[in-house]
Amino acid sequence: MARVRRWCEKRVPEHVRDEVRVECDITPRHLTIVEVRPPWHPDLSSEWTRFPIARLHYTRSSRQWSLYWRDRNQRFHRYDLLDPSPHVDPLLQEIDRDPRAIFWG
C-alpha cells in the first residue's frame, strides 16, 4: 500500500496539486487509484471530485495482484493485457504506459 501511495504522489508535480491530485482509496479487498480535482464552482460545493482511474485487487489465496479498468458506467473489468502479479510494480507500470488509453484517456 505504501508503494502505491508513493506512486500516486509522484504522478502529479507538487506545484499543481491544488488543481489535481492522484490518490489511493484503500479497502480490505482492493486499492482504487483516483484522480481528485477541486470544485468546479465553489458556490455549488466545496467537495473535491473523485474519479476512479484503476483498481488493484489482491487475491489472498494466490497472493497475486490483478489490474482492473473502469468503464463509462464506473464498473470495473479485469484488464486482459497483463497477468496477475505478486508485486504491484508491473501493474503500476502498465497504468503509466496505458497502451489502450483506458486509464488516463
PDB file of N, CA and C in Angstrom:
ATOM      1  N   MET A   1       0.817  -1.182   0.000  1.00  0.00           N
ATOM      2  CA  MET A   1       0.000   0.000   0.000  1.00  0.00           C
ATOM      3  C   MET A   1       0.871   1.262   0.000  1.00  0.00           C
ATOM      4  N   ALA A   2       1.943   1.213   0.733  1.00  0.00           N
ATOM      5  CA  ALA A   2       2.844   2.364   0.773  1.00  0.00           C
ATOM      6  C   ALA A   2       3.447   2.620  -0.603  1.00  0.00           C
ATOM      7  N   ARG A   3       3.760   1.542  -1.310  1.00  0.00           N
ATOM      8  CA  ARG A   3       4.325   1.670  -2.663  1.00  0.00           C
ATOM      9  C   ARG A   3       3.337   2.369  -3.586  1.00  0.00           C
ATOM     10  N   VAL A   4       2.081   2.009  -3.514  1.00  0.00           N
ATOM     11  CA  VAL A   4       1.053   2.613  -4.367  1.00  0.00           C
ATOM     12  C   VAL A   4       0.858   4.082  -3.988  1.00  0.00           C
ATOM     13  N   ARG A   5       0.848   4.367  -2.722  1.00  0.00           N
ATOM     14  CA  ARG A   5       0.714   5.773  -2.288  1.00  0.00           C
ATOM     15  C   ARG A   5       1.874   6.631  -2.796  1.00  0.00           C
ATOM     16  N   ARG A   6       3.085   6.105  -2.734  1.00  0.00           N
ATOM     17  CA  ARG A   6       4.244   6.857  -3.247  1.00  0.00           C
ATOM     18  C   ARG A   6       4.117   7.078  -4.752  1.00  0.00           C
ATOM     19  N   TRP A   7       3.659   6.043  -5.460  1.00  0.00           N
ATOM     20  CA  TRP A   7       3.462   6.157  -6.907  1.00  0.00           C
ATOM     21  C   TRP A   7       2.437   7.248  -7.212  1.00  0.00           C
ATOM     22  N   CYS A   8       1.354   7.290  -6.461  1.00  0.00           N
ATOM     23  CA  CYS A   8       0.320   8.305  -6.652  1.00  0.00           C
ATOM     24  C   CYS A   8       0.893   9.707  -6.454  1.00  0.00           C
ATOM     25  N   GLU A   9       1.672   9.893  -5.406  1.00  0.00           N
ATOM     26  CA  GLU A   9       2.262  11.207  -5.123  1.00  0.00           C
ATOM     27  C   GLU A   9       3.171  11.672  -6.251  1.00  0.00           C
ATOM     28  N   LYS A  10       3.875  10.739  -6.866  1.00  0.00           N
ATOM     29  CA  LYS A  10       4.813  11.087  -7.937  1.00  0.00           C
ATOM     30  C   LYS A  10       4.118  11.390  -9.261  1.00  0.00           C
ATOM     31  N   ARG A  11       2.869  11.030  -9.395  1.00  0.00           N
ATOM     32  CA  ARG A  11       2.140  11.239 -10.656  1.00  0.00           C
ATOM     33  C   ARG A  11       1.897  12.714 -10.961  1.00  0.00           C
ATOM     34  N   VAL A  12       1.789  13.535  -9.940  1.00  0.00           N
ATOM     35  CA  VAL A  12       1.458  14.947 -10.128  1.00  0.00           C
ATOM     36  C   VAL A  12       2.542  15.805  -9.468  1.00  0.00           C
ATOM     37  N   PRO A  13       3.124  16.737 -10.214  1.00  0.00           N
ATOM     38  CA  PRO A  13       4.131  17.626  -9.621  1.00  0.00           C
ATOM     39  C   PRO A  13       3.514  18.448  -8.484  1.00  0.00           C
ATOM     40  N   GLU A  14       4.301  18.702  -7.489  1.00  0.00           N
ATOM     41  CA  GLU A  14       3.812  19.394  -6.291  1.00  0.00           C
ATOM     42  C   GLU A  14       3.195  20.762  -6.595  1.00  0.00           C
ATOM     43  N   HIS A  15       3.732  21.469  -7.561  1.00  0.00           N
ATOM     44  CA  HIS A  15       3.248  22.827  -7.844  1.00  0.00           C
ATOM     45  C   HIS A  15       1.851  22.876  -8.481  1.00  0.00           C
ATOM     46  N   VAL A  16       1.290  21.735  -8.895  1.00  0.00           N
ATOM     47  CA  VAL A  16      -0.080  21.733  -9.457  1.00  0.00           C
ATOM     48  C   VAL A  16      -1.065  20.926  -8.607  1.00  0.00           C
ATOM     49  N   ARG A  17      -0.663  20.529  -7.431  1.00  0.00           N
ATOM     50  CA  ARG A  17      -1.536  19.704  -6.597  1.00  0.00           C
ATOM     51  C   ARG A  17      -2.762  20.440  -6.055  1.00  0.00           C
ATOM     52  N   ASP A  18      -2.807  21.749  -6.232  1.00  0.00           N
ATOM     53  CA  ASP A  18      -4.025  22.467  -5.876  1.00  0.00           C
ATOM     54  C   ASP A  18      -5.062  22.375  -7.004  1.00  0.00           C
ATOM     55  N   GLU A  19      -4.633  21.830  -8.170  1.00  0.00           N
ATOM     56  CA  GLU A  19      -5.514  21.667  -9.331  1.00  0.00           C
ATOM     57  C   GLU A  19      -5.900  20.209  -9.578  1.00  0.00           C
ATOM     58  N   VAL A  20      -5.004  19.297  -9.270  1.00  0.00           N
ATOM     59  CA  VAL A  20      -5.271  17.868  -9.488  1.00  0.00           C
ATOM     60  C   VAL A  20      -4.339  17.057  -8.594  1.00  0.00           C
ATOM     61  N   ARG A  21      -4.855  15.950  -8.111  1.00  0.00           N
ATOM     62  CA  ARG A  21      -4.053  15.015  -7.318  1.00  0.00           C
ATOM     63  C   ARG A  21      -4.422  13.595  -7.753  1.00  0.00           C
ATOM     64  N   VAL A  22      -3.534  12.678  -7.496  1.00  0.00           N
ATOM     65  CA  VAL A  22      -3.822  11.256  -7.674  1.00  0.00           C
ATOM     66  C   VAL A  22      -3.661  10.630  -6.300  1.00  0.00           C
ATOM     67  N   GLU A  23      -4.701   9.917  -5.871  1.00  0.00           N
ATOM     68  CA  GLU A  23      -4.705   9.320  -4.543  1.00  0.00           C
ATOM     69  C   GLU A  23      -5.118   7.855  -4.637  1.00  0.00           C
ATOM     70  N   CYS A  24      -5.010   7.185  -3.514  1.00  0.00           N
ATOM     71  CA  CYS A  24      -5.358   5.767  -3.435  1.00  0.00           C
ATOM     72  C   CYS A  24      -6.382   5.563  -2.325  1.00  0.00           C
ATOM     73  N   ASP A  25      -7.540   5.018  -2.689  1.00  0.00           N
ATOM     74  CA  ASP A  25      -8.545   4.634  -1.703  1.00  0.00           C
ATOM     75  C   ASP A  25      -8.316   3.166  -1.355  1.00  0.00           C
ATOM     76  N   ILE A  26      -8.283   2.868  -0.085  1.00  0.00           N
ATOM     77  CA  ILE A  26      -7.937   1.522   0.367  1.00  0.00           C
ATOM     78  C   ILE A  26      -9.130   0.857   1.032  1.00  0.00           C
ATOM     79  N   THR A  27      -9.415  -0.366   0.603  1.00  0.00           N
ATOM     80  CA  THR A  27     -10.407  -1.214   1.257  1.00  0.00           C
ATOM     81  C   THR A  27      -9.727  -2.547   1.567  1.00  0.00           C
ATOM     82  N   PRO A  28     -10.354  -3.417   2.332  1.00  0.00           N
ATOM     83  CA  PRO A  28      -9.710  -4.704   2.636  1.00  0.00           C
ATOM     84  C   PRO A  28      -9.418  -5.562   1.405  1.00  0.00           C
ATOM     85  N   ARG A  29     -10.195  -5.415   0.329  1.00  0.00           N
ATOM     86  CA  ARG A  29     -10.040  -6.284  -0.839  1.00  0.00           C
ATOM     87  C   ARG A  29      -9.308  -5.654  -2.013  1.00  0.00           C
ATOM     88  N   HIS A  30      -9.244  -4.330  -2.070  1.00  0.00           N
ATOM     89  CA  HIS A  30      -8.614  -3.703  -3.225  1.00  0.00           C
ATOM     90  C   HIS A  30      -8.149  -2.283  -2.921  1.00  0.00           C
ATOM     91  N   LEU A  31      -7.339  -1.773  -3.850  1.00  0.00           N
ATOM     92  CA  LEU A  31      -6.878  -0.389  -3.831  1.00  0.00           C
ATOM     93  C   LEU A  31      -7.433   0.272  -5.088  1.00  0.00           C
ATOM     94  N   THR A  32      -8.040   1.431  -4.942  1.00  0.00           N
ATOM     95  CA  THR A  32      -8.561   2.142  -6.099  1.00  0.00           C
ATOM     96  C   THR A  32      -7.770   3.434  -6.268  1.00  0.00           C
ATOM     97  N   ILE A  33      -7.203   3.612  -7.450  1.00  0.00           N
ATOM     98  CA  ILE A  33      -6.469   4.822  -7.777  1.00  0.00           C
ATOM     99  C   ILE A  33      -7.478   5.815  -8.332  1.00  0.00           C
ATOM    100  N   VAL A  34      -7.500   7.010  -7.738  1.00  0.00           N
ATOM    101  CA  VAL A  34      -8.479   8.023  -8.126  1.00  0.00           C
ATOM    102  C   VAL A  34      -7.789   9.337  -8.476  1.00  0.00           C
ATOM    103  N   GLU A  35      -8.373  10.029  -9.459  1.00  0.00           N
ATOM    104  CA  GLU A  35      -7.960  11.385  -9.773  1.00  0.00           C
ATOM    105  C   GLU A  35      -8.873  12.312  -8.982  1.00  0.00           C
ATOM    106  N   VAL A  36      -8.289  13.278  -8.296  1.00  0.00           N
ATOM    107  CA  VAL A  36      -9.039  14.168  -7.421  1.00  0.00           C
ATOM    108  C   VAL A  36      -8.869  15.601  -7.922  1.00  0.00           C
ATOM    109  N   ARG A  37     -10.009  16.288  -8.102  1.00  0.00           N
ATOM    110  CA  ARG A  37      -9.988  17.672  -8.605  1.00  0.00           C
ATOM    111  C   ARG A  37     -10.811  18.582  -7.704  1.00  0.00           C
ATOM    112  N   PRO A  38     -10.429  19.861  -7.641  1.00  0.00           N
ATOM    113  CA  PRO A  38     -11.165  20.805  -6.800  1.00  0.00           C
ATOM    114  C   PRO A  38     -12.568  21.068  -7.353  1.00  0.00           C
ATOM    115  N   PRO A  39     -13.413  21.704  -6.562  1.00  0.00           N
ATOM    116  CA  PRO A  39     -14.775  22.005  -7.029  1.00  0.00           C
ATOM    117  C   PRO A  39     -14.761  22.835  -8.315  1.00  0.00           C
ATOM    118  N   TRP A  40     -15.689  22.530  -9.209  1.00  0.00           N
ATOM    119  CA  TRP A  40     -15.796  23.274 -10.463  1.00  0.00           C
ATOM    120  C   TRP A  40     -16.302  24.687 -10.191  1.00  0.00           C
ATOM    121  N   HIS A  41     -17.233  24.775  -9.262  1.00  0.00           N
ATOM    122  CA  HIS A  41     -17.815  26.076  -8.932  1.00  0.00           C
ATOM    123  C   HIS A  41     -17.939  26.150  -7.411  1.00  0.00           C
ATOM    124  N   PRO A  42     -17.144  26.972  -6.770  1.00  0.00           N
ATOM    125  CA  PRO A  42     -17.112  26.997  -5.299  1.00  0.00           C
ATOM    126  C   PRO A  42     -18.463  27.306  -4.640  1.00  0.00           C
ATOM    127  N   ASP A  43     -19.355  27.998  -5.342  1.00  0.00           N
ATOM    128  CA  ASP A  43     -20.669  28.304  -4.767  1.00  0.00           C
ATOM    129  C   ASP A  43     -21.570  27.071  -4.703  1.00  0.00           C
ATOM    130  N   LEU A  44     -21.300  26.083  -5.523  1.00  0.00           N
ATOM    131  CA  LEU A  44     -22.151  24.890  -5.571  1.00  0.00           C
ATOM    132  C   LEU A  44     -21.715  23.808  -4.586  1.00  0.00           C
ATOM    133  N   SER A  45     -20.410  23.685  -4.374  1.00  0.00           N
ATOM    134  CA  SER A  45     -19.908  22.650  -3.481  1.00  0.00           C
ATOM    135  C   SER A  45     -18.464  22.946  -3.105  1.00  0.00           C
ATOM    136  N   SER A  46     -18.095  22.505  -1.924  1.00  0.00           N
ATOM    137  CA  SER A  46     -16.702  22.642  -1.506  1.00  0.00           C
ATOM    138  C   SER A  46     -15.969  21.301  -1.593  1.00  0.00           C
ATOM    139  N   GLU A  47     -16.686  20.283  -2.027  1.00  0.00           N
ATOM    140  CA  GLU A  47     -16.111  18.934  -2.124  1.00  0.00           C
ATOM    141  C   GLU A  47     -15.275  18.769  -3.389  1.00  0.00           C
ATOM    142  N   TRP A  48     -14.137  18.132  -3.251  1.00  0.00           N
ATOM    143  CA  TRP A  48     -13.321  17.767  -4.400  1.00  0.00           C
ATOM    144  C   TRP A  48     -13.965  16.535  -5.047  1.00  0.00           C
ATOM    145  N   THR A  49     -13.910  16.453  -6.375  1.00  0.00           N
ATOM    146  CA  THR A  49     -14.467  15.287  -7.067  1.00  0.00           C
ATOM    147  C   THR A  49     -13.423  14.184  -7.125  1.00  0.00           C
ATOM    148  N   ARG A  50     -13.896  12.955  -7.012  1.00  0.00           N
ATOM    149  CA  ARG A  50     -13.022  11.778  -7.012  1.00  0.00           C
ATOM    150  C   ARG A  50     -13.446  10.897  -8.183  1.00  0.00           C
ATOM    151  N   PHE A  51     -12.535  10.706  -9.128  1.00  0.00           N
ATOM    152  CA  PHE A  51     -12.832   9.943 -10.337  1.00  0.00           C
ATOM    153  C   PHE A  51     -11.942   8.702 -10.383  1.00  0.00           C
ATOM    154  N   PRO A  52     -12.527   7.513 -10.279  1.00  0.00           N
ATOM    155  CA  PRO A  52     -11.722   6.279 -10.289  1.00  0.00           C
ATOM    156  C   PRO A  52     -10.978   6.092 -11.616  1.00  0.00           C
ATOM    157  N   ILE A  53      -9.721   5.733 -11.523  1.00  0.00           N
ATOM    158  CA  ILE A  53      -8.873   5.507 -12.691  1.00  0.00           C
ATOM    159  C   ILE A  53      -8.622   4.011 -12.908  1.00  0.00           C
ATOM    160  N   ALA A  54      -8.232   3.318 -11.848  1.00  0.00           N
ATOM    161  CA  ALA A  54      -7.901   1.894 -11.937  1.00  0.00           C
ATOM    162  C   ALA A  54      -8.081   1.264 -10.563  1.00  0.00           C
ATOM    163  N   ARG A  55      -8.163  -0.049 -10.564  1.00  0.00           N
ATOM    164  CA  ARG A  55      -8.281  -0.782  -9.299  1.00  0.00           C
ATOM    165  C   ARG A  55      -7.266  -1.914  -9.293  1.00  0.00           C
ATOM    166  N   LEU A  56      -6.617  -2.095  -8.157  1.00  0.00           N
ATOM    167  CA  LEU A  56      -5.687  -3.199  -7.947  1.00  0.00           C
ATOM    168  C   LEU A  56      -6.337  -4.125  -6.926  1.00  0.00           C
ATOM    169  N   HIS A  57      -6.606  -5.337  -7.344  1.00  0.00           N
ATOM    170  CA  HIS A  57      -7.307  -6.298  -6.489  1.00  0.00           C
ATOM    171  C   HIS A  57      -6.327  -7.380  -6.035  1.00  0.00           C
ATOM    172  N   TYR A  58      -6.313  -7.631  -4.740  1.00  0.00           N
ATOM    173  CA  TYR A  58      -5.428  -8.651  -4.185  1.00  0.00           C
ATOM    174  C   TYR A  58      -6.223  -9.908  -3.858  1.00  0.00           C
ATOM    175  N   THR A  59      -5.734 -11.044  -4.353  1.00  0.00           N
ATOM    176  CA  THR A  59      -6.338 -12.336  -4.046  1.00  0.00           C
ATOM    177  C   THR A  59      -5.437 -13.038  -3.050  1.00  0.00           C
ATOM    178  N   ARG A  60      -5.925 -13.185  -1.853  1.00  0.00           N
ATOM    179  CA  ARG A  60      -5.117 -13.746  -0.766  1.00  0.00           C
ATOM    180  C   ARG A  60      -4.678 -15.181  -1.058  1.00  0.00           C
ATOM    181  N   SER A  61      -5.565 -16.011  -1.605  1.00  0.00           N
ATOM    182  CA  SER A  61      -5.239 -17.418  -1.824  1.00  0.00           C
ATOM    183  C   SER A  61      -4.079 -17.608  -2.802  1.00  0.00           C
ATOM    184  N   SER A  62      -3.997 -16.770  -3.821  1.00  0.00           N
ATOM    185  CA  SER A  62      -2.908 -16.896  -4.803  1.00  0.00           C
ATOM    186  C   SER A  62      -1.767 -15.912  -4.537  1.00  0.00           C
ATOM    187  N   ARG A  63      -2.014 -14.966  -3.620  1.00  0.00           N
ATOM    188  CA  ARG A  63      -1.038 -13.927  -3.294  1.00  0.00           C
ATOM    189  C   ARG A  63      -0.651 -13.123  -4.535  1.00  0.00           C
ATOM    190  N   GLN A  64      -1.659 -12.798  -5.334  1.00  0.00           N
ATOM    191  CA  GLN A  64      -1.444 -12.087  -6.591  1.00  0.00           C
ATOM    192  C   GLN A  64      -2.299 -10.818  -6.644  1.00  0.00           C
ATOM    193  N   TRP A  65      -1.751  -9.806  -7.295  1.00  0.00           N
ATOM    194  CA  TRP A  65      -2.470  -8.576  -7.575  1.00  0.00           C
ATOM    195  C   TRP A  65      -2.957  -8.610  -9.015  1.00  0.00           C
ATOM    196  N   SER A  66      -4.189  -8.168  -9.250  1.00  0.00           N
ATOM    197  CA  SER A  66      -4.744  -8.077 -10.595  1.00  0.00           C
ATOM    198  C   SER A  66      -5.145  -6.635 -10.868  1.00  0.00           C
ATOM    199  N   LEU A  67      -5.054  -6.255 -12.130  1.00  0.00           N
ATOM    200  CA  LEU A  67      -5.384  -4.892 -12.542  1.00  0.00           C
ATOM    201  C   LEU A  67      -6.776  -4.862 -13.179  1.00  0.00           C
ATOM    202  N   TYR A  68      -7.549  -3.840 -12.823  1.00  0.00           N
ATOM    203  CA  TYR A  68      -8.888  -3.640 -13.370  1.00  0.00           C
ATOM    204  C   TYR A  68      -9.004  -2.227 -13.920  1.00  0.00           C
ATOM    205  N   TRP A  69      -9.770  -2.087 -15.001  1.00  0.00           N
ATOM    206  CA  TRP A  69     -10.040  -0.778 -15.582  1.00  0.00           C
ATOM    207  C   TRP A  69     -11.513  -0.448 -15.382  1.00  0.00           C
ATOM    208  N   ARG A  70     -11.825   0.852 -15.441  1.00  0.00           N
ATOM    209  CA  ARG A  70     -13.181   1.325 -15.188  1.00  0.00           C
ATOM    210  C   ARG A  70     -13.849   1.748 -16.492  1.00  0.00           C
ATOM    211  N   ASP A  71     -15.094   1.317 -16.682  1.00  0.00           N
ATOM    212  CA  ASP A  71     -15.824   1.719 -17.881  1.00  0.00           C
ATOM    213  C   ASP A  71     -16.597   3.021 -17.629  1.00  0.00           C
ATOM    214  N   ARG A  72     -17.331   3.467 -18.619  1.00  0.00           N
ATOM    215  CA  ARG A  72     -18.041   4.754 -18.500  1.00  0.00           C
ATOM    216  C   ARG A  72     -19.157   4.735 -17.460  1.00  0.00           C
ATOM    217  N   ASN A  73     -19.605   3.540 -17.068  1.00  0.00           N
ATOM    218  CA  ASN A  73     -20.633   3.394 -16.039  1.00  0.00           C
ATOM    219  C   ASN A  73     -20.023   3.171 -14.655  1.00  0.00           C
ATOM    220  N   GLN A  74     -18.723   3.382 -14.562  1.00  0.00           N
ATOM    221  CA  GLN A  74     -17.957   3.242 -13.328  1.00  0.00           C
ATOM    222  C   GLN A  74     -17.941   1.805 -12.791  1.00  0.00           C
ATOM    223  N   ARG A  75     -18.049   0.835 -13.692  1.00  0.00           N
ATOM    224  CA  ARG A  75     -17.878  -0.572 -13.330  1.00  0.00           C
ATOM    225  C   ARG A  75     -16.470  -0.995 -13.707  1.00  0.00           C
ATOM    226  N   PHE A  76     -15.893  -1.841 -12.889  1.00  0.00           N
ATOM    227  CA  PHE A  76     -14.522  -2.290 -13.125  1.00  0.00           C
ATOM    228  C   PHE A  76     -14.507  -3.639 -13.825  1.00  0.00           C
ATOM    229  N   HIS A  77     -13.523  -3.796 -14.727  1.00  0.00           N
ATOM    230  CA  HIS A  77     -13.354  -5.022 -15.514  1.00  0.00           C
ATOM    231  C   HIS A  77     -11.884  -5.431 -15.469  1.00  0.00           C
ATOM    232  N   ARG A  78     -11.661  -6.725 -15.475  1.00  0.00           N
ATOM    233  CA  ARG A  78     -10.297  -7.255 -15.457  1.00  0.00           C
ATOM    234  C   ARG A  78      -9.552  -6.799 -16.698  1.00  0.00           C
ATOM    235  N   TYR A  79      -8.363  -6.289 -16.513  1.00  0.00           N
ATOM    236  CA  TYR A  79      -7.500  -5.834 -17.600  1.00  0.00           C
ATOM    237  C   TYR A  79      -6.812  -7.052 -18.196  1.00  0.00           C
ATOM    238  N   ASP A  80      -7.029  -7.311 -19.482  1.00  0.00           N
ATOM    239  CA  ASP A  80      -6.578  -8.573 -20.080  1.00  0.00           C
ATOM    240  C   ASP A  80      -5.191  -8.531 -20.729  1.00  0.00           C
ATOM    241  N   LEU A  81      -4.515  -7.410 -20.716  1.00  0.00           N
ATOM    242  CA  LEU A  81      -3.180  -7.337 -21.319  1.00  0.00           C
ATOM    243  C   LEU A  81      -2.052  -7.666 -20.346  1.00  0.00           C
ATOM    244  N   LEU A  82      -2.412  -7.931 -19.095  1.00  0.00           N
ATOM    245  CA  LEU A  82      -1.390  -8.156 -18.078  1.00  0.00           C
ATOM    246  C   LEU A  82      -1.854  -9.246 -17.113  1.00  0.00           C
ATOM    247  N   ASP A  83      -1.019 -10.230 -16.919  1.00  0.00           N
ATOM    248  CA  ASP A  83      -1.345 -11.300 -15.967  1.00  0.00           C
ATOM    249  C   ASP A  83      -1.217 -10.791 -14.536  1.00  0.00           C
ATOM    250  N   PRO A  84      -1.906 -11.437 -13.608  1.00  0.00           N
ATOM    251  CA  PRO A  84      -1.730 -11.080 -12.191  1.00  0.00           C
ATOM    252  C   PRO A  84      -0.265 -11.218 -11.789  1.00  0.00           C
ATOM    253  N   SER A  85       0.096 -10.471 -10.755  1.00  0.00           N
ATOM    254  CA  SER A  85       1.490 -10.424 -10.321  1.00  0.00           C
ATOM    255  C   SER A  85       1.557 -10.430  -8.793  1.00  0.00           C
ATOM    256  N   PRO A  86       2.620 -11.027  -8.235  1.00  0.00           N
ATOM    257  CA  PRO A  86       2.771 -10.973  -6.781  1.00  0.00           C
ATOM    258  C   PRO A  86       3.176  -9.572  -6.291  1.00  0.00           C
ATOM    259  N   HIS A  87       3.570  -8.705  -7.229  1.00  0.00           N
ATOM    260  CA  HIS A  87       4.002  -7.352  -6.886  1.00  0.00           C
ATOM    261  C   HIS A  87       3.145  -6.329  -7.626  1.00  0.00           C
ATOM    262  N   VAL A  88       2.945  -5.163  -7.034  1.00  0.00           N
ATOM    263  CA  VAL A  88       2.132  -4.125  -7.673  1.00  0.00           C
ATOM    264  C   VAL A  88       2.900  -3.343  -8.737  1.00  0.00           C
ATOM    265  N   ASP A  89       4.222  -3.369  -8.707  1.00  0.00           N
ATOM    266  CA  ASP A  89       5.011  -2.562  -9.640  1.00  0.00           C
ATOM    267  C   ASP A  89       4.663  -2.778 -11.115  1.00  0.00           C
ATOM    268  N   PRO A  90       4.546  -4.016 -11.604  1.00  0.00           N
ATOM    269  CA  PRO A  90       4.182  -4.189 -13.019  1.00  0.00           C
ATOM    270  C   PRO A  90       2.805  -3.603 -13.349  1.00  0.00           C
ATOM    271  N   LEU A  91       1.882  -3.662 -12.406  1.00  0.00           N
ATOM    272  CA  LEU A  91       0.556  -3.104 -12.629  1.00  0.00           C
ATOM    273  C   LEU A  91       0.613  -1.582 -12.707  1.00  0.00           C
ATOM    274  N   LEU A  92       1.373  -0.971 -11.820  1.00  0.00           N
ATOM    275  CA  LEU A  92       1.523   0.481 -11.844  1.00  0.00           C
ATOM    276  C   LEU A  92       2.227   0.938 -13.126  1.00  0.00           C
ATOM    277  N   GLN A  93       3.209   0.166 -13.572  1.00  0.00           N
ATOM    278  CA  GLN A  93       3.897   0.486 -14.820  1.00  0.00           C
ATOM    279  C   GLN A  93       2.935   0.421 -16.003  1.00  0.00           C
ATOM    280  N   GLU A  94       2.024  -0.533 -15.975  1.00  0.00           N
ATOM    281  CA  GLU A  94       1.048  -0.658 -17.059  1.00  0.00           C
ATOM    282  C   GLU A  94       0.061   0.506 -17.049  1.00  0.00           C
ATOM    283  N   ILE A  95      -0.327   0.954 -15.871  1.00  0.00           N
ATOM    284  CA  ILE A  95      -1.202   2.130 -15.784  1.00  0.00           C
ATOM    285  C   ILE A  95      -0.471   3.342 -16.354  1.00  0.00           C
ATOM    286  N   ASP A  96       0.796   3.493 -16.039  1.00  0.00           N
ATOM    287  CA  ASP A  96       1.595   4.589 -16.608  1.00  0.00           C
ATOM    288  C   ASP A  96       1.676   4.487 -18.124  1.00  0.00           C
ATOM    289  N   ARG A  97       1.932   3.289 -18.600  1.00  0.00           N
ATOM    290  CA  ARG A  97       2.092   3.047 -20.039  1.00  0.00           C
ATOM    291  C   ARG A  97       0.777   3.264 -20.780  1.00  0.00           C
ATOM    292  N   ASP A  98      -0.300   2.748 -20.243  1.00  0.00           N
ATOM    293  CA  ASP A  98      -1.664   2.916 -20.761  1.00  0.00           C
ATOM    294  C   ASP A  98      -1.763   2.729 -22.279  1.00  0.00           C
ATOM    295  N   PRO A  99      -1.384   1.558 -22.799  1.00  0.00           N
ATOM    296  CA  PRO A  99      -1.348   1.362 -24.245  1.00  0.00           C
ATOM    297  C   PRO A  99      -2.712   1.458 -24.947  1.00  0.00           C
ATOM    298  N   ARG A 100      -3.802   1.238 -24.222  1.00  0.00           N
ATOM    299  CA  ARG A 100      -5.143   1.328 -24.811  1.00  0.00           C
ATOM    300  C   ARG A 100      -5.852   2.642 -24.461  1.00  0.00           C
ATOM    301  N   ALA A 101      -5.182   3.507 -23.736  1.00  0.00           N
ATOM    302  CA  ALA A 101      -5.755   4.797 -23.314  1.00  0.00           C
ATOM    303  C   ALA A 101      -7.059   4.612 -22.555  1.00  0.00           C
ATOM    304  N   ILE A 102      -7.095   3.611 -21.680  1.00  0.00           N
ATOM    305  CA  ILE A 102      -8.311   3.392 -20.888  1.00  0.00           C
ATOM    306  C   ILE A 102      -8.166   3.855 -19.451  1.00  0.00           C
ATOM    307  N   PHE A 103      -6.964   4.162 -19.030  1.00  0.00           N
ATOM    308  CA  PHE A 103      -6.768   4.655 -17.667  1.00  0.00           C
ATOM    309  C   PHE A 103      -6.775   6.183 -17.638  1.00  0.00           C
ATOM    310  N   TRP A 104      -5.924   6.777 -18.441  1.00  0.00           N
ATOM    311  CA  TRP A 104      -5.776   8.237 -18.423  1.00  0.00           C
ATOM    312  C   TRP A 104      -6.440   8.916 -19.607  1.00  0.00           C
ATOM    313  N   GLY A 105      -6.978   8.125 -20.547  1.00  0.00           N
ATOM    314  CA  GLY A 105      -7.701   8.722 -21.676  1.00  0.00           C
ATOM    315  C   GLY A 105      -6.842   9.037 -22.776  1.00  0.00           C
TER     316      GLY A 105
END
